[in-house]
PDB file of N, CA and C in Angstrom:
ATOM      1  N   CYS A   1       5.370  74.095 -39.897  1.00  0.00           N
ATOM      2  CA  CYS A   1       5.591  75.103 -40.905  1.00  0.00           C
ATOM      3  C   CYS A   1       6.991  75.681 -40.723  1.00  0.00           C
ATOM      4  N   ASP A   2       7.952  75.133 -41.454  1.00  0.00           N
ATOM      5  CA  ASP A   2       9.287  75.729 -41.376  1.00  0.00           C
ATOM      6  C   ASP A   2       9.354  76.910 -42.330  1.00  0.00           C
ATOM      7  N   SER A   3      10.500  77.496 -42.472  1.00  0.00           N
ATOM      8  CA  SER A   3      10.623  78.722 -43.275  1.00  0.00           C
ATOM      9  C   SER A   3      10.890  78.453 -44.753  1.00  0.00           C
ATOM     10  N   SER A   4      10.848  77.201 -45.153  1.00  0.00           N
ATOM     11  CA  SER A   4      11.109  76.853 -46.552  1.00  0.00           C
ATOM     12  C   SER A   4       9.826  76.847 -47.364  1.00  0.00           C
ATOM     13  N   PHE A   5       9.995  76.935 -48.670  1.00  0.00           N
ATOM     14  CA  PHE A   5       8.880  76.831 -49.594  1.00  0.00           C
ATOM     15  C   PHE A   5       9.014  75.505 -50.329  1.00  0.00           C
ATOM     16  N   TYR A   6       7.899  74.797 -50.489  1.00  0.00           N
ATOM     17  CA  TYR A   6       7.908  73.496 -51.159  1.00  0.00           C
ATOM     18  C   TYR A   6       6.871  73.490 -52.262  1.00  0.00           C
ATOM     19  N   SER A   7       7.236  72.898 -53.391  1.00  0.00           N
ATOM     20  CA  SER A   7       6.268  72.742 -54.481  1.00  0.00           C
ATOM     21  C   SER A   7       5.395  71.531 -54.174  1.00  0.00           C
ATOM     22  N   TRP A   8       4.242  71.455 -54.854  1.00  0.00           N
ATOM     23  CA  TRP A   8       3.380  70.285 -54.689  1.00  0.00           C
ATOM     24  C   TRP A   8       4.145  69.026 -55.079  1.00  0.00           C
ATOM     25  N   THR A   9       4.982  69.108 -56.101  1.00  0.00           N
ATOM     26  CA  THR A   9       5.755  67.945 -56.541  1.00  0.00           C
ATOM     27  C   THR A   9       6.708  67.486 -55.442  1.00  0.00           C
ATOM     28  N   GLU A  10       7.379  68.432 -54.764  1.00  0.00           N
ATOM     29  CA  GLU A  10       8.267  68.056 -53.663  1.00  0.00           C
ATOM     30  C   GLU A  10       7.491  67.379 -52.530  1.00  0.00           C
ATOM     31  N   ILE A  11       6.333  67.916 -52.221  1.00  0.00           N
ATOM     32  CA  ILE A  11       5.511  67.331 -51.153  1.00  0.00           C
ATOM     33  C   ILE A  11       5.053  65.933 -51.555  1.00  0.00           C
ATOM     34  N   GLU A  12       4.540  65.801 -52.777  1.00  0.00           N
ATOM     35  CA  GLU A  12       4.095  64.489 -53.268  1.00  0.00           C
ATOM     36  C   GLU A  12       5.228  63.473 -53.262  1.00  0.00           C
ATOM     37  N   ASN A  13       6.411  63.867 -53.748  1.00  0.00           N
ATOM     38  CA  ASN A  13       7.548  62.955 -53.795  1.00  0.00           C
ATOM     39  C   ASN A  13       7.997  62.556 -52.399  1.00  0.00           C
ATOM     40  N   THR A  14       7.973  63.490 -51.455  1.00  0.00           N
ATOM     41  CA  THR A  14       8.364  63.186 -50.076  1.00  0.00           C
ATOM     42  C   THR A  14       7.407  62.169 -49.471  1.00  0.00           C
ATOM     43  N   ILE A  15       6.099  62.368 -49.677  1.00  0.00           N
ATOM     44  CA  ILE A  15       5.104  61.429 -49.158  1.00  0.00           C
ATOM     45  C   ILE A  15       5.290  60.053 -49.804  1.00  0.00           C
ATOM     46  N   ALA A  16       5.496  60.030 -51.114  1.00  0.00           N
ATOM     47  CA  ALA A  16       5.692  58.757 -51.811  1.00  0.00           C
ATOM     48  C   ALA A  16       6.920  58.029 -51.270  1.00  0.00           C
ATOM     49  N   ASP A  17       8.009  58.750 -51.029  1.00  0.00           N
ATOM     50  CA  ASP A  17       9.223  58.137 -50.470  1.00  0.00           C
ATOM     51  C   ASP A  17       8.967  57.568 -49.082  1.00  0.00           C
ATOM     52  N   ILE A  18       8.290  58.339 -48.244  1.00  0.00           N
ATOM     53  CA  ILE A  18       8.003  57.904 -46.876  1.00  0.00           C
ATOM     54  C   ILE A  18       7.169  56.623 -46.884  1.00  0.00           C
ATOM     55  N   LEU A  19       6.173  56.569 -47.759  1.00  0.00           N
ATOM     56  CA  LEU A  19       5.282  55.418 -47.821  1.00  0.00           C
ATOM     57  C   LEU A  19       5.815  54.308 -48.730  1.00  0.00           C
ATOM     58  N   ASN A  20       6.974  54.554 -49.324  1.00  0.00           N
ATOM     59  CA  ASN A  20       7.586  53.605 -50.252  1.00  0.00           C
ATOM     60  C   ASN A  20       6.614  53.235 -51.379  1.00  0.00           C
ATOM     61  N   LYS A  21       5.997  54.252 -51.939  1.00  0.00           N
ATOM     62  CA  LYS A  21       5.036  54.078 -53.024  1.00  0.00           C
ATOM     63  C   LYS A  21       5.532  54.824 -54.253  1.00  0.00           C
ATOM     64  N   HIS A  22       5.048  54.390 -55.384  1.00  0.00           N
ATOM     65  CA  HIS A  22       5.388  55.033 -56.649  1.00  0.00           C
ATOM     66  C   HIS A  22       4.082  55.366 -57.364  1.00  0.00           C
ATOM     67  N   PRO A  23       3.459  56.468 -56.987  1.00  0.00           N
ATOM     68  CA  PRO A  23       2.143  56.790 -57.552  1.00  0.00           C
ATOM     69  C   PRO A  23       2.219  57.135 -59.031  1.00  0.00           C
ATOM     70  N   ARG A  24       1.148  56.829 -59.699  1.00  0.00           N
ATOM     71  CA  ARG A  24       1.012  57.175 -61.099  1.00  0.00           C
ATOM     72  C   ARG A  24       0.254  58.496 -61.162  1.00  0.00           C
ATOM     73  N   ARG A  25       0.803  59.455 -61.834  1.00  0.00           N
ATOM     74  CA  ARG A  25       0.142  60.757 -61.979  1.00  0.00           C
ATOM     75  C   ARG A  25      -0.689  60.749 -63.250  1.00  0.00           C
ATOM     76  N   ILE A  26      -1.942  61.088 -63.093  1.00  0.00           N
ATOM     77  CA  ILE A  26      -2.851  61.130 -64.234  1.00  0.00           C
ATOM     78  C   ILE A  26      -3.374  62.556 -64.355  1.00  0.00           C
ATOM     79  N   PRO A  27      -2.936  63.282 -65.374  1.00  0.00           N
ATOM     80  CA  PRO A  27      -3.424  64.654 -65.530  1.00  0.00           C
ATOM     81  C   PRO A  27      -4.914  64.669 -65.875  1.00  0.00           C
ATOM     82  N   ILE A  28      -5.662  65.487 -65.177  1.00  0.00           N
ATOM     83  CA  ILE A  28      -7.102  65.626 -65.408  1.00  0.00           C
ATOM     84  C   ILE A  28      -7.365  67.085 -65.782  1.00  0.00           C
ATOM     85  N   PRO A  29      -7.993  67.326 -66.929  1.00  0.00           N
ATOM     86  CA  PRO A  29      -8.293  68.706 -67.313  1.00  0.00           C
ATOM     87  C   PRO A  29      -9.164  69.388 -66.257  1.00  0.00           C
ATOM     88  N   LEU A  30      -8.896  70.681 -66.022  1.00  0.00           N
ATOM     89  CA  LEU A  30      -9.662  71.417 -65.017  1.00  0.00           C
ATOM     90  C   LEU A  30     -11.161  71.416 -65.314  1.00  0.00           C
ATOM     91  N   GLY A  31     -11.527  71.466 -66.578  1.00  0.00           N
ATOM     92  CA  GLY A  31     -12.939  71.442 -66.942  1.00  0.00           C
ATOM     93  C   GLY A  31     -13.621  70.159 -66.477  1.00  0.00           C
ATOM     94  N   LEU A  32     -12.937  69.035 -66.652  1.00  0.00           N
ATOM     95  CA  LEU A  32     -13.480  67.751 -66.207  1.00  0.00           C
ATOM     96  C   LEU A  32     -13.567  67.706 -64.677  1.00  0.00           C
ATOM     97  N   ALA A  33     -12.542  68.205 -64.006  1.00  0.00           N
ATOM     98  CA  ALA A  33     -12.559  68.249 -62.540  1.00  0.00           C
ATOM     99  C   ALA A  33     -13.709  69.116 -62.041  1.00  0.00           C
ATOM    100  N   PHE A  34     -13.960  70.226 -62.740  1.00  0.00           N
ATOM    101  CA  PHE A  34     -15.071  71.102 -62.366  1.00  0.00           C
ATOM    102  C   PHE A  34     -16.404  70.376 -62.511  1.00  0.00           C
ATOM    103  N   LEU A  35     -16.603  69.680 -63.635  1.00  0.00           N
ATOM    104  CA  LEU A  35     -17.843  68.931 -63.838  1.00  0.00           C
ATOM    105  C   LEU A  35     -18.017  67.850 -62.777  1.00  0.00           C
ATOM    106  N   CYS A  36     -16.938  67.178 -62.429  1.00  0.00           N
ATOM    107  CA  CYS A  36     -17.006  66.164 -61.369  1.00  0.00           C
ATOM    108  C   CYS A  36     -17.390  66.797 -60.039  1.00  0.00           C
ATOM    109  N   SER A  37     -16.810  67.958 -59.746  1.00  0.00           N
ATOM    110  CA  SER A  37     -17.138  68.625 -58.480  1.00  0.00           C
ATOM    111  C   SER A  37     -18.609  69.015 -58.437  1.00  0.00           C
ATOM    112  N   LEU A  38     -19.153  69.450 -59.572  1.00  0.00           N
ATOM    113  CA  LEU A  38     -20.581  69.767 -59.639  1.00  0.00           C
ATOM    114  C   LEU A  38     -21.427  68.526 -59.382  1.00  0.00           C
ATOM    115  N   GLY A  39     -21.028  67.410 -59.985  1.00  0.00           N
ATOM    116  CA  GLY A  39     -21.757  66.155 -59.783  1.00  0.00           C
ATOM    117  C   GLY A  39     -21.744  65.715 -58.329  1.00  0.00           C
ATOM    118  N   PHE A  40     -20.571  65.781 -57.704  1.00  0.00           N
ATOM    119  CA  PHE A  40     -20.472  65.405 -56.290  1.00  0.00           C
ATOM    120  C   PHE A  40     -21.255  66.370 -55.408  1.00  0.00           C
ATOM    121  N   GLU A  41     -21.225  67.637 -55.760  1.00  0.00           N
ATOM    122  CA  GLU A  41     -21.981  68.643 -55.003  1.00  0.00           C
ATOM    123  C   GLU A  41     -23.480  68.329 -55.068  1.00  0.00           C
ATOM    124  N   LEU A  42     -23.977  68.006 -56.245  1.00  0.00           N
ATOM    125  CA  LEU A  42     -25.385  67.659 -56.419  1.00  0.00           C
ATOM    126  C   LEU A  42     -25.726  66.389 -55.627  1.00  0.00           C
ATOM    127  N   PHE A  43     -24.866  65.375 -55.744  1.00  0.00           N
ATOM    128  CA  PHE A  43     -25.085  64.131 -54.999  1.00  0.00           C
ATOM    129  C   PHE A  43     -25.149  64.406 -53.498  1.00  0.00           C
ATOM    130  N   SER A  44     -24.246  65.254 -53.019  1.00  0.00           N
ATOM    131  CA  SER A  44     -24.207  65.584 -51.596  1.00  0.00           C
ATOM    132  C   SER A  44     -25.500  66.254 -51.142  1.00  0.00           C
ATOM    133  N   LYS A  45     -25.977  67.177 -51.947  1.00  0.00           N
ATOM    134  CA  LYS A  45     -27.224  67.882 -51.591  1.00  0.00           C
ATOM    135  C   LYS A  45     -28.428  66.937 -51.614  1.00  0.00           C
ATOM    136  N   LEU A  46     -28.488  66.072 -52.615  1.00  0.00           N
ATOM    137  CA  LEU A  46     -29.617  65.147 -52.727  1.00  0.00           C
ATOM    138  C   LEU A  46     -29.591  64.060 -51.652  1.00  0.00           C
ATOM    139  N   SER A  47     -28.400  63.576 -51.344  1.00  0.00           N
ATOM    140  CA  SER A  47     -28.282  62.486 -50.366  1.00  0.00           C
ATOM    141  C   SER A  47     -28.123  62.989 -48.936  1.00  0.00           C
ATOM    142  N   ARG A  48     -27.871  64.295 -48.819  1.00  0.00           N
ATOM    143  CA  ARG A  48     -27.608  64.908 -47.507  1.00  0.00           C
ATOM    144  C   ARG A  48     -26.438  64.229 -46.790  1.00  0.00           C
ATOM    145  N   ARG A  49     -25.467  63.835 -47.599  1.00  0.00           N
ATOM    146  CA  ARG A  49     -24.243  63.214 -47.077  1.00  0.00           C
ATOM    147  C   ARG A  49     -23.045  63.960 -47.656  1.00  0.00           C
ATOM    148  N   PRO A  50     -22.030  64.173 -46.860  1.00  0.00           N
ATOM    149  CA  PRO A  50     -20.843  64.863 -47.379  1.00  0.00           C
ATOM    150  C   PRO A  50     -20.059  63.978 -48.346  1.00  0.00           C
ATOM    151  N   THR A  51     -19.356  64.610 -49.254  1.00  0.00           N
ATOM    152  CA  THR A  51     -18.482  63.893 -50.178  1.00  0.00           C
ATOM    153  C   THR A  51     -17.064  64.423 -50.027  1.00  0.00           C
ATOM    154  N   LEU A  52     -16.103  63.655 -50.492  1.00  0.00           N
ATOM    155  CA  LEU A  52     -14.707  64.074 -50.385  1.00  0.00           C
ATOM    156  C   LEU A  52     -14.343  65.144 -51.406  1.00  0.00           C
ATOM    157  N   PHE A  53     -15.091  65.203 -52.491  1.00  0.00           N
ATOM    158  CA  PHE A  53     -14.791  66.176 -53.538  1.00  0.00           C
ATOM    159  C   PHE A  53     -16.041  67.007 -53.805  1.00  0.00           C
ATOM    160  N   ASN A  54     -15.886  68.330 -53.814  1.00  0.00           N
ATOM    161  CA  ASN A  54     -17.002  69.239 -54.051  1.00  0.00           C
ATOM    162  C   ASN A  54     -16.448  70.533 -54.646  1.00  0.00           C
ATOM    163  N   LEU A  55     -17.289  71.544 -54.773  1.00  0.00           N
ATOM    164  CA  LEU A  55     -16.839  72.803 -55.373  1.00  0.00           C
ATOM    165  C   LEU A  55     -15.739  73.476 -54.550  1.00  0.00           C
ATOM    166  N   ASP A  56     -15.824  73.386 -53.226  1.00  0.00           N
ATOM    167  CA  ASP A  56     -14.768  73.975 -52.394  1.00  0.00           C
ATOM    168  C   ASP A  56     -13.431  73.281 -52.621  1.00  0.00           C
ATOM    169  N   LYS A  57     -13.449  71.952 -52.709  1.00  0.00           N
ATOM    170  CA  LYS A  57     -12.204  71.212 -52.969  1.00  0.00           C
ATOM    171  C   LYS A  57     -11.677  71.518 -54.367  1.00  0.00           C
ATOM    172  N   PHE A  58     -12.592  71.727 -55.321  1.00  0.00           N
ATOM    173  CA  PHE A  58     -12.154  72.093 -56.668  1.00  0.00           C
ATOM    174  C   PHE A  58     -11.399  73.412 -56.642  1.00  0.00           C
ATOM    175  N   LYS A  59     -11.912  74.386 -55.878  1.00  0.00           N
ATOM    176  CA  LYS A  59     -11.235  75.682 -55.778  1.00  0.00           C
ATOM    177  C   LYS A  59      -9.826  75.512 -55.207  1.00  0.00           C
ATOM    178  N   GLU A  60      -9.678  74.634 -54.219  1.00  0.00           N
ATOM    179  CA  GLU A  60      -8.351  74.359 -53.662  1.00  0.00           C
ATOM    180  C   GLU A  60      -7.467  73.680 -54.701  1.00  0.00           C
ATOM    181  N   LEU A  61      -8.049  72.734 -55.436  1.00  0.00           N
ATOM    182  CA  LEU A  61      -7.305  71.973 -56.434  1.00  0.00           C
ATOM    183  C   LEU A  61      -6.729  72.859 -57.522  1.00  0.00           C
ATOM    184  N   LYS A  62      -7.490  73.858 -57.954  1.00  0.00           N
ATOM    185  CA  LYS A  62      -7.021  74.672 -59.079  1.00  0.00           C
ATOM    186  C   LYS A  62      -6.022  75.752 -58.666  1.00  0.00           C
ATOM    187  N   ALA A  63      -5.814  75.933 -57.370  1.00  0.00           N
ATOM    188  CA  ALA A  63      -4.795  76.895 -56.920  1.00  0.00           C
ATOM    189  C   ALA A  63      -3.421  76.389 -57.341  1.00  0.00           C
ATOM    190  N   THR A  64      -2.642  77.243 -57.952  1.00  0.00           N
ATOM    191  CA  THR A  64      -1.320  76.810 -58.429  1.00  0.00           C
ATOM    192  C   THR A  64      -0.306  76.700 -57.302  1.00  0.00           C
ATOM    193  N   HIS A  65      -0.527  77.443 -56.219  1.00  0.00           N
ATOM    194  CA  HIS A  65       0.390  77.343 -55.080  1.00  0.00           C
ATOM    195  C   HIS A  65      -0.258  77.940 -53.833  1.00  0.00           C
ATOM    196  N   TRP A  66       0.254  77.518 -52.708  1.00  0.00           N
ATOM    197  CA  TRP A  66      -0.150  78.049 -51.403  1.00  0.00           C
ATOM    198  C   TRP A  66       1.134  78.424 -50.675  1.00  0.00           C
ATOM    199  N   ILE A  67       1.100  79.483 -49.922  1.00  0.00           N
ATOM    200  CA  ILE A  67       2.270  79.869 -49.143  1.00  0.00           C
ATOM    201  C   ILE A  67       1.841  80.047 -47.691  1.00  0.00           C
ATOM    202  N   CYS A  68       2.533  79.350 -46.826  1.00  0.00           N
ATOM    203  CA  CYS A  68       2.313  79.489 -45.384  1.00  0.00           C
ATOM    204  C   CYS A  68       3.567  80.119 -44.797  1.00  0.00           C
ATOM    205  N   LYS A  69       3.396  81.144 -44.020  1.00  0.00           N
ATOM    206  CA  LYS A  69       4.526  81.810 -43.390  1.00  0.00           C
ATOM    207  C   LYS A  69       4.401  81.685 -41.879  1.00  0.00           C
ATOM    208  N   ASN A  70       5.525  81.519 -41.228  1.00  0.00           N
ATOM    209  CA  ASN A  70       5.507  81.396 -39.773  1.00  0.00           C
ATOM    210  C   ASN A  70       6.082  82.624 -39.067  1.00  0.00           C
ATOM    211  N   ALA A  71       6.368  83.683 -39.805  1.00  0.00           N
ATOM    212  CA  ALA A  71       7.027  84.869 -39.236  1.00  0.00           C
ATOM    213  C   ALA A  71       6.221  85.494 -38.101  1.00  0.00           C
ATOM    214  N   LYS A  72       4.910  85.611 -38.272  1.00  0.00           N
ATOM    215  CA  LYS A  72       4.083  86.220 -37.235  1.00  0.00           C
ATOM    216  C   LYS A  72       4.074  85.358 -35.970  1.00  0.00           C
ATOM    217  N   ALA A  73       3.974  84.049 -36.134  1.00  0.00           N
ATOM    218  CA  ALA A  73       4.003  83.144 -34.980  1.00  0.00           C
ATOM    219  C   ALA A  73       5.374  83.186 -34.301  1.00  0.00           C
ATOM    220  N   GLN A  74       6.429  83.321 -35.084  1.00  0.00           N
ATOM    221  CA  GLN A  74       7.771  83.434 -34.500  1.00  0.00           C
ATOM    222  C   GLN A  74       7.886  84.714 -33.686  1.00  0.00           C
ATOM    223  N   LYS A  75       7.412  85.812 -34.262  1.00  0.00           N
ATOM    224  CA  LYS A  75       7.538  87.120 -33.618  1.00  0.00           C
ATOM    225  C   LYS A  75       6.665  87.225 -32.369  1.00  0.00           C
ATOM    226  N   GLU A  76       5.386  86.859 -32.487  1.00  0.00           N
ATOM    227  CA  GLU A  76       4.447  87.071 -31.396  1.00  0.00           C
ATOM    228  C   GLU A  76       4.420  85.947 -30.369  1.00  0.00           C
ATOM    229  N   LEU A  77       4.744  84.724 -30.791  1.00  0.00           N
ATOM    230  CA  LEU A  77       4.627  83.583 -29.881  1.00  0.00           C
ATOM    231  C   LEU A  77       5.953  82.894 -29.592  1.00  0.00           C
ATOM    232  N   GLY A  78       6.994  83.323 -30.277  1.00  0.00           N
ATOM    233  CA  GLY A  78       8.286  82.670 -30.106  1.00  0.00           C
ATOM    234  C   GLY A  78       8.328  81.291 -30.749  1.00  0.00           C
ATOM    235  N   PHE A  79       7.461  81.052 -31.714  1.00  0.00           N
ATOM    236  CA  PHE A  79       7.383  79.754 -32.379  1.00  0.00           C
ATOM    237  C   PHE A  79       8.668  79.441 -33.117  1.00  0.00           C
ATOM    238  N   GLU A  80       9.140  78.233 -32.952  1.00  0.00           N
ATOM    239  CA  GLU A  80      10.262  77.714 -33.723  1.00  0.00           C
ATOM    240  C   GLU A  80       9.878  76.322 -34.199  1.00  0.00           C
ATOM    241  N   PRO A  81       9.944  76.065 -35.496  1.00  0.00           N
ATOM    242  CA  PRO A  81       9.566  74.736 -35.993  1.00  0.00           C
ATOM    243  C   PRO A  81      10.507  73.662 -35.452  1.00  0.00           C
ATOM    244  N   ARG A  82       9.917  72.533 -35.066  1.00  0.00           N
ATOM    245  CA  ARG A  82      10.713  71.417 -34.555  1.00  0.00           C
ATOM    246  C   ARG A  82      11.144  70.480 -35.668  1.00  0.00           C
ATOM    247  N   HIS A  83      10.443  70.521 -36.795  1.00  0.00           N
ATOM    248  CA  HIS A  83      10.713  69.587 -37.884  1.00  0.00           C
ATOM    249  C   HIS A  83      10.670  70.301 -39.227  1.00  0.00           C
ATOM    250  N   GLY A  84      11.369  69.725 -40.171  1.00  0.00           N
ATOM    251  CA  GLY A  84      11.237  70.141 -41.554  1.00  0.00           C
ATOM    252  C   GLY A  84      10.133  69.328 -42.203  1.00  0.00           C
ATOM    253  N   LEU A  85       9.982  69.467 -43.493  1.00  0.00           N
ATOM    254  CA  LEU A  85       8.923  68.791 -44.219  1.00  0.00           C
ATOM    255  C   LEU A  85       8.975  67.274 -44.057  1.00  0.00           C
ATOM    256  N   ALA A  86      10.120  66.671 -44.325  1.00  0.00           N
ATOM    257  CA  ALA A  86      10.224  65.208 -44.315  1.00  0.00           C
ATOM    258  C   ALA A  86       9.900  64.624 -42.943  1.00  0.00           C
ATOM    259  N   LYS A  87      10.442  65.196 -41.894  1.00  0.00           N
ATOM    260  CA  LYS A  87      10.196  64.682 -40.536  1.00  0.00           C
ATOM    261  C   LYS A  87       8.720  64.847 -40.152  1.00  0.00           C
ATOM    262  N   GLY A  88       8.134  65.995 -40.464  1.00  0.00           N
ATOM    263  CA  GLY A  88       6.727  66.221 -40.149  1.00  0.00           C
ATOM    264  C   GLY A  88       5.812  65.277 -40.901  1.00  0.00           C
ATOM    265  N   LEU A  89       6.098  65.062 -42.184  1.00  0.00           N
ATOM    266  CA  LEU A  89       5.283  64.130 -42.962  1.00  0.00           C
ATOM    267  C   LEU A  89       5.503  62.691 -42.514  1.00  0.00           C
ATOM    268  N   GLN A  90       6.720  62.360 -42.075  1.00  0.00           N
ATOM    269  CA  GLN A  90       6.999  61.015 -41.566  1.00  0.00           C
ATOM    270  C   GLN A  90       6.147  60.739 -40.331  1.00  0.00           C
ATOM    271  N   GLU A  91       6.101  61.690 -39.397  1.00  0.00           N
ATOM    272  CA  GLU A  91       5.290  61.519 -38.187  1.00  0.00           C
ATOM    273  C   GLU A  91       3.801  61.440 -38.532  1.00  0.00           C
ATOM    274  N   THR A  92       3.371  62.246 -39.484  1.00  0.00           N
ATOM    275  CA  THR A  92       1.972  62.219 -39.906  1.00  0.00           C
ATOM    276  C   THR A  92       1.621  60.867 -40.522  1.00  0.00           C
ATOM    277  N   ALA A  93       2.477  60.356 -41.401  1.00  0.00           N
ATOM    278  CA  ALA A  93       2.242  59.059 -42.038  1.00  0.00           C
ATOM    279  C   ALA A  93       2.203  57.946 -40.992  1.00  0.00           C
ATOM    280  N   GLU A  94       3.105  57.989 -40.022  1.00  0.00           N
ATOM    281  CA  GLU A  94       3.105  56.976 -38.962  1.00  0.00           C
ATOM    282  C   GLU A  94       1.795  57.000 -38.191  1.00  0.00           C
ATOM    283  N   TRP A  95       1.281  58.198 -37.915  1.00  0.00           N
ATOM    284  CA  TRP A  95       0.008  58.311 -37.195  1.00  0.00           C
ATOM    285  C   TRP A  95      -1.131  57.723 -38.034  1.00  0.00           C
ATOM    286  N   TYR A  96      -1.163  58.061 -39.341  1.00  0.00           N
ATOM    287  CA  TYR A  96      -2.205  57.522 -40.219  1.00  0.00           C
ATOM    288  C   TYR A  96      -2.168  56.001 -40.257  1.00  0.00           C
ATOM    289  N   VAL A  97      -0.975  55.432 -40.317  1.00  0.00           N
ATOM    290  CA  VAL A  97      -0.837  53.976 -40.333  1.00  0.00           C
ATOM    291  C   VAL A  97      -1.313  53.386 -38.994  1.00  0.00           C
ATOM    292  N   LYS A  98      -0.891  54.003 -37.878  1.00  0.00           N
ATOM    293  CA  LYS A  98      -1.274  53.524 -36.541  1.00  0.00           C
ATOM    294  C   LYS A  98      -2.788  53.547 -36.363  1.00  0.00           C
ATOM    295  N   GLU A  99      -3.429  54.561 -36.897  1.00  0.00           N
ATOM    296  CA  GLU A  99      -4.889  54.708 -36.769  1.00  0.00           C
ATOM    297  C   GLU A  99      -5.643  53.950 -37.859  1.00  0.00           C
ATOM    298  N   ALA A 100      -4.898  53.214 -38.709  1.00  0.00           N
ATOM    299  CA  ALA A 100      -5.478  52.412 -39.799  1.00  0.00           C
ATOM    300  C   ALA A 100      -6.250  53.267 -40.807  1.00  0.00           C
ATOM    301  N   TRP A 101      -5.783  54.471 -41.018  1.00  0.00           N
ATOM    302  CA  TRP A 101      -6.394  55.323 -42.048  1.00  0.00           C
ATOM    303  C   TRP A 101      -5.776  55.034 -43.405  1.00  0.00           C
ATOM    304  N   ILE A 102      -4.551  54.521 -43.393  1.00  0.00           N
ATOM    305  CA  ILE A 102      -3.899  54.100 -44.642  1.00  0.00           C
ATOM    306  C   ILE A 102      -3.203  52.776 -44.381  1.00  0.00           C
TER     307      ILE A 102
END
Protein backbone atom coordinates (compact mmCIF):
# COMPACT_ATOMS: atom_id res chain seq x y z
CA CYS A 1 0.00 0.00 0.00
CA ASP A 2 1.92 3.02 -1.21
CA SER A 3 0.64 6.56 -0.79
CA SER A 4 -0.83 6.81 -4.29
CA PHE A 5 -4.42 6.41 -5.36
CA TYR A 6 -5.24 4.11 -8.29
CA SER A 7 -8.45 3.72 -10.26
CA TRP A 8 -9.81 0.26 -11.03
CA THR A 9 -8.91 0.93 -14.68
CA GLU A 10 -5.27 1.64 -13.75
CA ILE A 11 -5.12 -1.55 -11.70
CA GLU A 12 -6.75 -3.62 -14.46
CA ASN A 13 -4.44 -2.17 -17.12
CA THR A 14 -1.35 -2.81 -14.97
CA ILE A 15 -2.36 -6.45 -14.43
CA ALA A 16 -3.11 -6.88 -18.14
CA ASP A 17 0.32 -5.45 -19.05
CA ILE A 18 2.11 -7.69 -16.55
CA LEU A 19 0.34 -10.79 -17.86
CA ASN A 20 0.65 -9.61 -21.47
CA LYS A 21 -3.11 -9.98 -21.91
CA HIS A 22 -5.68 -7.83 -23.60
CA PRO A 23 -8.93 -8.48 -21.74
CA ARG A 24 -12.27 -7.71 -23.24
CA ARG A 25 -14.44 -5.59 -20.97
CA ILE A 26 -18.10 -6.51 -21.00
CA PRO A 27 -20.35 -4.09 -19.13
CA ILE A 28 -22.95 -5.91 -17.03
CA PRO A 29 -25.91 -3.98 -15.62
CA LEU A 30 -25.94 -3.90 -11.81
CA GLY A 31 -29.45 -5.36 -11.77
CA LEU A 32 -28.28 -8.42 -13.69
CA ALA A 33 -25.23 -8.79 -11.42
CA PHE A 34 -27.54 -8.61 -8.41
CA LEU A 35 -29.80 -11.35 -9.80
CA CYS A 36 -26.76 -13.52 -10.52
CA SER A 37 -25.49 -13.00 -6.98
CA LEU A 38 -28.88 -14.10 -5.63
CA GLY A 39 -28.76 -17.22 -7.80
CA PHE A 40 -25.25 -18.11 -6.64
CA GLU A 41 -26.23 -17.42 -3.04
CA LEU A 42 -29.19 -19.81 -3.35
CA PHE A 43 -27.03 -22.45 -5.04
CA SER A 44 -24.46 -22.13 -2.25
CA LYS A 45 -27.07 -22.59 0.46
CA LEU A 46 -28.68 -25.58 -1.26
CA SER A 47 -25.42 -27.30 -2.15
CA ARG A 48 -23.63 -26.27 1.05
CA ARG A 49 -20.66 -25.33 -1.11
CA PRO A 50 -19.09 -21.89 -1.40
CA THR A 51 -19.24 -19.98 -4.66
CA LEU A 52 -16.96 -17.30 -6.05
CA PHE A 53 -19.80 -14.84 -6.50
CA ASN A 54 -22.46 -14.08 -3.87
CA LEU A 55 -24.26 -11.14 -2.26
CA ASP A 56 -21.13 -10.06 -0.37
CA LYS A 57 -19.09 -10.00 -3.60
CA PHE A 58 -21.90 -8.07 -5.28
CA LYS A 59 -21.65 -5.40 -2.57
CA GLU A 60 -17.91 -5.13 -3.25
CA LEU A 61 -18.52 -5.04 -7.00
CA LYS A 62 -20.93 -2.12 -6.85
CA ALA A 63 -18.56 0.05 -4.80
CA THR A 64 -17.32 2.82 -7.06
CA HIS A 65 -13.99 3.11 -5.26
CA TRP A 66 -11.95 1.91 -2.30
CA ILE A 67 -9.28 3.91 -0.53
CA CYS A 68 -6.50 2.34 1.50
CA LYS A 69 -4.29 4.63 3.53
CA ASN A 70 -0.99 3.71 5.11
CA ALA A 71 -0.57 6.82 7.30
CA LYS A 72 -1.46 5.07 10.56
CA ALA A 73 0.91 2.17 9.83
CA GLN A 74 3.64 4.68 8.95
CA LYS A 75 3.10 6.65 12.14
CA GLU A 76 2.64 3.79 14.61
CA LEU A 77 4.78 1.06 13.05
CA GLY A 78 7.28 2.94 10.93
CA PHE A 79 5.89 1.23 7.83
CA GLU A 80 7.40 2.25 4.52
CA PRO A 81 6.16 0.62 1.31
CA ARG A 82 8.84 -1.33 -0.54
CA HIS A 83 7.00 -1.36 -3.87
CA GLY A 84 4.61 0.66 -5.93
CA LEU A 85 1.59 -0.81 -7.66
CA ALA A 86 3.36 -2.29 -10.70
CA LYS A 87 6.14 -4.01 -8.73
CA GLY A 88 3.72 -5.41 -6.14
CA LEU A 89 1.37 -6.74 -8.80
CA GLN A 90 4.33 -8.18 -10.74
CA GLU A 91 5.44 -10.17 -7.68
CA THR A 92 1.86 -11.28 -7.03
CA ALA A 93 1.41 -12.44 -10.64
CA GLU A 94 4.71 -14.34 -10.51
CA TRP A 95 3.55 -16.13 -7.36
CA TYR A 96 0.19 -17.03 -8.96
CA VAL A 97 1.98 -18.44 -12.00
CA LYS A 98 4.49 -20.38 -9.82
CA GLU A 99 1.63 -21.89 -7.80
CA ALA A 100 -0.26 -22.72 -11.05
CA TRP A 101 -3.24 -20.60 -10.07
CA ILE A 102 -3.09 -18.84 -13.44
